Amino acid sequence: MRLSPEQIDSIHLFALQVGGPKATVRLFGSRLNDSARGGDVDLLLEVPAPVEQPALLAATLSAKVSRLMQGRKVDVVIHAPNLMHQAIHDIALSEGVLL
């Protein structure tokens, strides 16, 4: 995993700030490959309650993590009970690492 312990702690804290105390966050995609270089940061934010404004929630977490990562591109996928389940959710849940 190409994140430092400090980055992991910060991302976890940001997820709790935007998603609530029961939110979890998973890293998936190219950042899991230690031999790769560069690449964006792909996150799955899991929240147990319905989300009224998923785009705002994703953008807020993305901006916080992007600032932490010196402007690196951050993609956030939201998994919540009221949102349509998509194939990307299956990939993130099966391959992702809980932070």
Protein backbone atom coordinates (compact mmCIF):
# COMPACT_ATOMS: atom_id res chain seq x y z
CA MET A 1 0.00 0.00 0.00
CA ARG A 2 1.47 3.31 -1.06
CA LEU A 3 0.24 5.46 1.82
CA SER A 4 2.18 6.45 4.90
CA PRO A 5 0.81 5.64 8.37
CA GLU A 6 0.16 9.36 8.86
CA GLN A 7 -1.80 9.56 5.60
CA ILE A 8 -3.84 6.50 6.59
CA ASP A 9 -4.68 8.03 9.97
CA SER A 10 -5.66 11.34 8.37
CA ILE A 11 -7.85 9.71 5.72
CA HIS A 12 -9.59 7.65 8.40
CA LEU A 13 -10.20 10.81 10.46
CA PHE A 14 -11.55 12.68 7.40
CA ALA A 15 -13.92 9.78 6.67
CA LEU A 16 -15.31 9.98 10.19
CA GLN A 17 -15.66 13.77 9.92
CA VAL A 18 -17.67 13.68 6.70
CA GLY A 19 -19.42 10.31 7.03
CA GLY A 20 -20.15 10.17 10.74
CA PRO A 21 -18.84 8.05 13.61
CA LYS A 22 -19.83 4.73 12.01
CA ALA A 23 -18.31 5.44 8.60
CA THR A 24 -15.52 3.27 7.24
CA VAL A 25 -13.15 3.91 4.37
CA ARG A 26 -11.33 1.51 2.06
CA LEU A 27 -8.43 2.10 -0.28
CA PHE A 28 -8.63 0.26 -3.60
CA GLY A 29 -7.08 0.53 -7.04
CA SER A 30 -3.51 1.27 -8.05
CA ARG A 31 -2.39 2.60 -4.66
CA LEU A 32 -2.50 -0.94 -3.31
CA ASN A 33 0.29 -1.97 -5.69
CA ASP A 34 3.61 -1.29 -3.97
CA SER A 35 5.58 -1.66 -7.20
CA ALA A 36 3.51 0.89 -9.15
CA ARG A 37 4.27 4.60 -9.35
CA GLY A 38 2.00 7.61 -9.36
CA GLY A 39 -1.71 7.13 -9.78
CA ASP A 40 -4.73 8.59 -8.14
CA VAL A 41 -6.19 7.62 -4.78
CA ASP A 42 -9.38 5.53 -4.96
CA LEU A 43 -11.50 5.41 -1.81
CA LEU A 44 -14.76 3.72 -0.89
CA LEU A 45 -16.62 5.54 1.87
CA GLU A 46 -19.15 3.25 3.54
CA VAL A 47 -21.88 4.87 5.62
CA PRO A 48 -24.63 2.91 7.38
CA ALA A 49 -27.31 5.60 7.07
CA PRO A 50 -28.94 7.08 3.96
CA VAL A 51 -27.03 9.94 2.36
CA GLU A 52 -28.97 13.00 1.20
CA GLN A 53 -26.21 14.64 -0.83
CA PRO A 54 -23.78 11.95 -2.00
CA ALA A 55 -21.99 14.20 -4.52
CA LEU A 56 -21.25 16.78 -1.83
CA LEU A 57 -20.10 14.08 0.58
CA ALA A 58 -17.75 12.57 -2.03
CA ALA A 59 -16.42 15.97 -3.08
CA THR A 60 -15.75 17.00 0.52
CA LEU A 61 -13.76 13.86 1.31
CA SER A 62 -11.97 14.06 -2.03
CA ALA A 63 -10.89 17.66 -1.39
CA LYS A 64 -9.62 16.93 2.11
CA VAL A 65 -7.58 13.94 0.96
CA SER A 66 -6.31 15.75 -2.14
CA ARG A 67 -4.96 18.57 0.05
CA LEU A 68 -3.31 15.98 2.30
CA MET A 69 -1.71 14.35 -0.76
CA GLN A 70 -0.33 17.62 -2.26
CA GLY A 71 -3.05 17.92 -4.90
CA ARG A 72 -3.11 14.31 -6.08
CA LYS A 73 -6.37 13.27 -7.75
CA VAL A 74 -8.73 11.47 -5.36
CA ASP A 75 -11.78 9.49 -6.46
CA VAL A 76 -14.41 8.72 -3.82
CA VAL A 77 -17.20 6.18 -4.22
CA ILE A 78 -20.02 6.25 -1.67
CA HIS A 79 -21.69 3.06 -0.43
CA ALA A 80 -24.91 3.80 1.47
CA PRO A 81 -28.27 2.02 1.87
CA ASN A 82 -30.17 4.52 -0.29
CA LEU A 83 -27.72 4.58 -3.20
CA MET A 84 -27.77 2.24 -6.18
CA HIS A 85 -25.25 -0.59 -5.89
CA GLN A 86 -22.86 -0.64 -8.84
CA ALA A 87 -20.05 -2.89 -10.07
CA ILE A 88 -17.41 -0.49 -8.68
CA HIS A 89 -18.78 -1.19 -5.19
CA ASP A 90 -18.14 -4.92 -5.66
CA ILE A 91 -14.58 -4.25 -6.80
CA ALA A 92 -13.85 -1.86 -3.91
CA LEU A 93 -15.39 -4.20 -1.33
CA SER A 94 -13.57 -7.30 -2.57
CA GLU A 95 -10.16 -5.77 -3.36
CA GLY A 96 -10.10 -2.77 -1.04
CA VAL A 97 -8.18 -2.51 2.22
CA LEU A 98 -9.92 -1.06 5.24
CA LEU A 99 -8.07 1.98 6.56
